[in-house]
Amino acid sequence: ISLNLILGYGGMVSFGHALYMGLGA
């Protein structure tokens, strides 16, 4: 859902979004 905000609605194809998931962990 977090990625869809920038990819689906903003057209920003982030191929490093796992960075923030790992950072939270």
PDB file of all heavy atoms in Angstrom:
ATOM      1  N   ILE A   1       0.841  -1.207   0.000  1.00  0.00           N
ATOM      2  CA  ILE A   1       0.000   0.000   0.000  1.00  0.00           C
ATOM      3  C   ILE A   1       0.872   1.250   0.000  1.00  0.00           C
ATOM      4  O   ILE A   1       0.591   2.233  -0.699  1.00  0.00           O
ATOM      5  CB  ILE A   1      -0.946  -0.001   1.219  1.00  0.00           C
ATOM      6  CG1 ILE A   1      -1.999  -1.112   1.077  1.00  0.00           C
ATOM      7  CG2 ILE A   1      -1.638   1.350   1.385  1.00  0.00           C
ATOM      8  CD1 ILE A   1      -2.787  -1.365   2.352  1.00  0.00           C
ATOM      9  N   SER A   2       1.944   1.205   0.792  1.00  0.00           N
ATOM     10  CA  SER A   2       2.855   2.354   0.836  1.00  0.00           C
ATOM     11  C   SER A   2       3.517   2.574  -0.523  1.00  0.00           C
ATOM     12  O   SER A   2       3.667   3.713  -0.973  1.00  0.00           O
ATOM     13  CB  SER A   2       3.918   2.139   1.920  1.00  0.00           C
ATOM     14  OG  SER A   2       4.871   1.165   1.532  1.00  0.00           O
ATOM     15  N   LEU A   3       3.915   1.488  -1.193  1.00  0.00           N
ATOM     16  CA  LEU A   3       4.540   1.617  -2.516  1.00  0.00           C
ATOM     17  C   LEU A   3       3.528   2.092  -3.553  1.00  0.00           C
ATOM     18  O   LEU A   3       3.864   2.876  -4.450  1.00  0.00           O
ATOM     19  CB  LEU A   3       5.142   0.277  -2.930  1.00  0.00           C
ATOM     20  CG  LEU A   3       5.794   0.226  -4.316  1.00  0.00           C
ATOM     21  CD1 LEU A   3       6.942   1.227  -4.414  1.00  0.00           C
ATOM     22  CD2 LEU A   3       6.301  -1.182  -4.620  1.00  0.00           C
ATOM     23  N   ASN A   4       2.289   1.635  -3.440  1.00  0.00           N
ATOM     24  CA  ASN A   4       1.256   2.019  -4.405  1.00  0.00           C
ATOM     25  C   ASN A   4       1.005   3.524  -4.393  1.00  0.00           C
ATOM     26  O   ASN A   4       0.642   4.102  -5.420  1.00  0.00           O
ATOM     27  CB  ASN A   4      -0.047   1.279  -4.078  1.00  0.00           C
ATOM     28  CG  ASN A   4      -1.137   1.537  -5.099  1.00  0.00           C
ATOM     29  OD1 ASN A   4      -0.929   1.410  -6.294  1.00  0.00           O
ATOM     30  ND2 ASN A   4      -2.317   1.909  -4.611  1.00  0.00           N
ATOM     31  N   LEU A   5       1.215   4.148  -3.248  1.00  0.00           N
ATOM     32  CA  LEU A   5       1.004   5.593  -3.154  1.00  0.00           C
ATOM     33  C   LEU A   5       1.901   6.348  -4.119  1.00  0.00           C
ATOM     34  O   LEU A   5       1.464   7.302  -4.779  1.00  0.00           O
ATOM     35  CB  LEU A   5       1.250   6.071  -1.717  1.00  0.00           C
ATOM     36  CG  LEU A   5       1.072   7.562  -1.452  1.00  0.00           C
ATOM     37  CD1 LEU A   5      -0.364   7.986  -1.715  1.00  0.00           C
ATOM     38  CD2 LEU A   5       1.472   7.898  -0.013  1.00  0.00           C
ATOM     39  N   ILE A   6       3.169   5.914  -4.234  1.00  0.00           N
ATOM     40  CA  ILE A   6       4.093   6.618  -5.131  1.00  0.00           C
ATOM     41  C   ILE A   6       4.159   5.981  -6.513  1.00  0.00           C
ATOM     42  O   ILE A   6       4.371   6.665  -7.505  1.00  0.00           O
ATOM     43  CB  ILE A   6       5.515   6.705  -4.521  1.00  0.00           C
ATOM     44  CG1 ILE A   6       6.095   5.311  -4.264  1.00  0.00           C
ATOM     45  CG2 ILE A   6       5.491   7.529  -3.246  1.00  0.00           C
ATOM     46  CD1 ILE A   6       7.559   5.333  -3.835  1.00  0.00           C
ATOM     47  N   LEU A   7       3.956   4.659  -6.588  1.00  0.00           N
ATOM     48  CA  LEU A   7       4.021   3.979  -7.885  1.00  0.00           C
ATOM     49  C   LEU A   7       2.710   4.086  -8.648  1.00  0.00           C
ATOM     50  O   LEU A   7       2.687   4.490  -9.811  1.00  0.00           O
ATOM     51  CB  LEU A   7       4.392   2.505  -7.666  1.00  0.00           C
ATOM     52  CG  LEU A   7       4.353   1.581  -8.885  1.00  0.00           C
ATOM     53  CD1 LEU A   7       5.299   2.082  -9.964  1.00  0.00           C
ATOM     54  CD2 LEU A   7       4.701   0.158  -8.484  1.00  0.00           C
ATOM     55  N   GLY A   8       1.618   3.739  -7.981  1.00  0.00           N
ATOM     56  CA  GLY A   8       0.328   3.727  -8.659  1.00  0.00           C
ATOM     57  C   GLY A   8      -0.238   5.103  -8.922  1.00  0.00           C
ATOM     58  O   GLY A   8      -0.872   5.340  -9.955  1.00  0.00           O
ATOM     59  N   TYR A   9      -0.023   6.042  -7.989  1.00  0.00           N
ATOM     60  CA  TYR A   9      -0.613   7.371  -8.133  1.00  0.00           C
ATOM     61  C   TYR A   9       0.403   8.431  -8.555  1.00  0.00           C
ATOM     62  O   TYR A   9       0.022   9.417  -9.173  1.00  0.00           O
ATOM     63  CB  TYR A   9      -1.273   7.785  -6.815  1.00  0.00           C
ATOM     64  CG  TYR A   9      -2.457   6.928  -6.462  1.00  0.00           C
ATOM     65  CD1 TYR A   9      -2.367   5.956  -5.481  1.00  0.00           C
ATOM     66  CD2 TYR A   9      -3.663   7.066  -7.140  1.00  0.00           C
ATOM     67  CE1 TYR A   9      -3.450   5.145  -5.164  1.00  0.00           C
ATOM     68  CE2 TYR A   9      -4.752   6.271  -6.840  1.00  0.00           C
ATOM     69  CZ  TYR A   9      -4.638   5.306  -5.849  1.00  0.00           C
ATOM     70  OH  TYR A   9      -5.711   4.498  -5.554  1.00  0.00           O
ATOM     71  N   GLY A  10       1.672   8.212  -8.198  1.00  0.00           N
ATOM     72  CA  GLY A  10       2.690   9.203  -8.555  1.00  0.00           C
ATOM     73  C   GLY A  10       3.574   8.813  -9.713  1.00  0.00           C
ATOM     74  O   GLY A  10       4.358   9.637 -10.203  1.00  0.00           O
ATOM     75  N   GLY A  11       3.477   7.554 -10.161  1.00  0.00           N
ATOM     76  CA  GLY A  11       4.298   7.110 -11.278  1.00  0.00           C
ATOM     77  C   GLY A  11       5.773   6.984 -10.946  1.00  0.00           C
ATOM     78  O   GLY A  11       6.606   6.962 -11.853  1.00  0.00           O
ATOM     79  N   MET A  12       6.106   6.873  -9.649  1.00  0.00           N
ATOM     80  CA  MET A  12       7.505   6.757  -9.222  1.00  0.00           C
ATOM     81  C   MET A  12       7.836   5.288  -8.962  1.00  0.00           C
ATOM     82  O   MET A  12       7.389   4.716  -7.958  1.00  0.00           O
ATOM     83  CB  MET A  12       7.750   7.592  -7.957  1.00  0.00           C
ATOM     84  CG  MET A  12       7.592   9.083  -8.162  1.00  0.00           C
ATOM     85  SD  MET A  12       7.664  10.019  -6.611  1.00  0.00           S
ATOM     86  CE  MET A  12       5.930  10.050  -6.144  1.00  0.00           C
ATOM     87  N   VAL A  13       8.593   4.675  -9.858  1.00  0.00           N
ATOM     88  CA  VAL A  13       8.913   3.251  -9.760  1.00  0.00           C
ATOM     89  C   VAL A  13      10.127   3.083  -8.852  1.00  0.00           C
ATOM     90  O   VAL A  13      11.271   3.126  -9.303  1.00  0.00           O
ATOM     91  CB  VAL A  13       9.175   2.636 -11.150  1.00  0.00           C
ATOM     92  CG1 VAL A  13       9.349   1.122 -11.038  1.00  0.00           C
ATOM     93  CG2 VAL A  13       8.055   2.974 -12.109  1.00  0.00           C
ATOM     94  N   SER A  14       9.870   2.887  -7.576  1.00  0.00           N
ATOM     95  CA  SER A  14      10.947   2.708  -6.598  1.00  0.00           C
ATOM     96  C   SER A  14      11.330   1.233  -6.528  1.00  0.00           C
ATOM     97  O   SER A  14      10.511   0.398  -6.147  1.00  0.00           O
ATOM     98  CB  SER A  14      10.506   3.201  -5.216  1.00  0.00           C
ATOM     99  OG  SER A  14      11.482   2.871  -4.247  1.00  0.00           O
ATOM    100  N   PHE A  15      12.572   0.929  -6.885  1.00  0.00           N
ATOM    101  CA  PHE A  15      13.042  -0.449  -6.837  1.00  0.00           C
ATOM    102  C   PHE A  15      13.893  -0.679  -5.583  1.00  0.00           C
ATOM    103  O   PHE A  15      14.642  -1.654  -5.506  1.00  0.00           O
ATOM    104  CB  PHE A  15      13.857  -0.792  -8.083  1.00  0.00           C
ATOM    105  CG  PHE A  15      13.818  -2.238  -8.445  1.00  0.00           C
ATOM    106  CD1 PHE A  15      12.638  -2.838  -8.839  1.00  0.00           C
ATOM    107  CD2 PHE A  15      14.963  -3.007  -8.390  1.00  0.00           C
ATOM    108  CE1 PHE A  15      12.597  -4.182  -9.168  1.00  0.00           C
ATOM    109  CE2 PHE A  15      14.937  -4.354  -8.722  1.00  0.00           C
ATOM    110  CZ  PHE A  15      13.749  -4.937  -9.115  1.00  0.00           C
ATOM    111  N   GLY A  16      13.743   0.211  -4.609  1.00  0.00           N
ATOM    112  CA  GLY A  16      14.494   0.048  -3.374  1.00  0.00           C
ATOM    113  C   GLY A  16      13.634   0.288  -2.152  1.00  0.00           C
ATOM    114  O   GLY A  16      14.127   0.675  -1.093  1.00  0.00           O
ATOM    115  N   HIS A  17      12.325   0.032  -2.288  1.00  0.00           N
ATOM    116  CA  HIS A  17      11.412   0.337  -1.189  1.00  0.00           C
ATOM    117  C   HIS A  17      11.595  -0.597   0.000  1.00  0.00           C
ATOM    118  O   HIS A  17      11.179  -0.278   1.116  1.00  0.00           O
ATOM    119  CB  HIS A  17       9.963   0.291  -1.676  1.00  0.00           C
ATOM    120  CG  HIS A  17       9.134   1.413  -1.144  1.00  0.00           C
ATOM    121  ND1 HIS A  17       9.440   2.738  -1.351  1.00  0.00           N
ATOM    122  CD2 HIS A  17       8.010   1.418  -0.378  1.00  0.00           C
ATOM    123  CE1 HIS A  17       8.543   3.498  -0.762  1.00  0.00           C
ATOM    124  NE2 HIS A  17       7.679   2.726  -0.155  1.00  0.00           N
ATOM    125  N   ALA A  18      12.223  -1.749  -0.238  1.00  0.00           N
ATOM    126  CA  ALA A  18      12.498  -2.669   0.868  1.00  0.00           C
ATOM    127  C   ALA A  18      13.451  -2.052   1.884  1.00  0.00           C
ATOM    128  O   ALA A  18      13.539  -2.526   3.024  1.00  0.00           O
ATOM    129  CB  ALA A  18      13.086  -3.976   0.332  1.00  0.00           C
ATOM    130  N   LEU A  19      14.157  -1.007   1.485  1.00  0.00           N
ATOM    131  CA  LEU A  19      15.053  -0.303   2.411  1.00  0.00           C
ATOM    132  C   LEU A  19      14.314   0.090   3.682  1.00  0.00           C
ATOM    133  O   LEU A  19      14.816  -0.104   4.802  1.00  0.00           O
ATOM    134  CB  LEU A  19      15.617   0.941   1.716  1.00  0.00           C
ATOM    135  CG  LEU A  19      16.182   2.061   2.604  1.00  0.00           C
ATOM    136  CD1 LEU A  19      17.368   1.563   3.417  1.00  0.00           C
ATOM    137  CD2 LEU A  19      16.583   3.261   1.749  1.00  0.00           C
ATOM    138  N   TYR A  20      13.108   0.620   3.549  1.00  0.00           N
ATOM    139  CA  TYR A  20      12.376   1.140   4.703  1.00  0.00           C
ATOM    140  C   TYR A  20      11.754   0.011   5.520  1.00  0.00           C
ATOM    141  O   TYR A  20      11.639   0.128   6.745  1.00  0.00           O
ATOM    142  CB  TYR A  20      11.329   2.138   4.218  1.00  0.00           C
ATOM    143  CG  TYR A  20      11.949   3.197   3.344  1.00  0.00           C
ATOM    144  CD1 TYR A  20      11.790   3.161   1.960  1.00  0.00           C
ATOM    145  CD2 TYR A  20      12.764   4.184   3.895  1.00  0.00           C
ATOM    146  CE1 TYR A  20      12.410   4.102   1.153  1.00  0.00           C
ATOM    147  CE2 TYR A  20      13.384   5.126   3.087  1.00  0.00           C
ATOM    148  CZ  TYR A  20      13.207   5.080   1.719  1.00  0.00           C
ATOM    149  OH  TYR A  20      13.830   6.000   0.926  1.00  0.00           O
ATOM    150  N   MET A  21      11.409  -1.064   4.856  1.00  0.00           N
ATOM    151  CA  MET A  21      10.914  -2.228   5.585  1.00  0.00           C
ATOM    152  C   MET A  21      12.036  -2.818   6.443  1.00  0.00           C
ATOM    153  O   MET A  21      11.837  -3.143   7.613  1.00  0.00           O
ATOM    154  CB  MET A  21      10.390  -3.269   4.596  1.00  0.00           C
ATOM    155  CG  MET A  21       9.593  -4.388   5.248  1.00  0.00           C
ATOM    156  SD  MET A  21       8.744  -5.373   4.012  1.00  0.00           S
ATOM    157  CE  MET A  21       7.874  -6.524   5.095  1.00  0.00           C
ATOM    158  N   GLY A  22      13.222  -2.941   5.857  1.00  0.00           N
ATOM    159  CA  GLY A  22      14.365  -3.433   6.615  1.00  0.00           C
ATOM    160  C   GLY A  22      14.782  -2.480   7.716  1.00  0.00           C
ATOM    161  O   GLY A  22      15.183  -2.907   8.808  1.00  0.00           O
ATOM    162  N   LEU A  23      14.671  -1.180   7.449  1.00  0.00           N
ATOM    163  CA  LEU A  23      15.036  -0.184   8.447  1.00  0.00           C
ATOM    164  C   LEU A  23      14.124  -0.279   9.666  1.00  0.00           C
ATOM    165  O   LEU A  23      14.578  -0.228  10.814  1.00  0.00           O
ATOM    166  CB  LEU A  23      14.946   1.212   7.822  1.00  0.00           C
ATOM    167  CG  LEU A  23      15.600   2.363   8.585  1.00  0.00           C
ATOM    168  CD1 LEU A  23      17.091   2.115   8.742  1.00  0.00           C
ATOM    169  CD2 LEU A  23      15.362   3.676   7.852  1.00  0.00           C
ATOM    170  N   GLY A  24      12.829  -0.448   9.428  1.00  0.00           N
ATOM    171  CA  GLY A  24      11.892  -0.609  10.535  1.00  0.00           C
ATOM    172  C   GLY A  24      12.177  -1.843  11.352  1.00  0.00           C
ATOM    173  O   GLY A  24      12.092  -1.833  12.587  1.00  0.00           O
ATOM    174  N   ALA A  25      12.550  -2.934  10.681  1.00  0.00           N
ATOM    175  CA  ALA A  25      12.877  -4.175  11.390  1.00  0.00           C
ATOM    176  C   ALA A  25      14.131  -4.009  12.239  1.00  0.00           C
ATOM    177  O   ALA A  25      14.198  -4.470  13.389  1.00  0.00           O
ATOM    178  CB  ALA A  25      13.058  -5.308  10.385  1.00  0.00           C
TER     179      ALA A  25
END
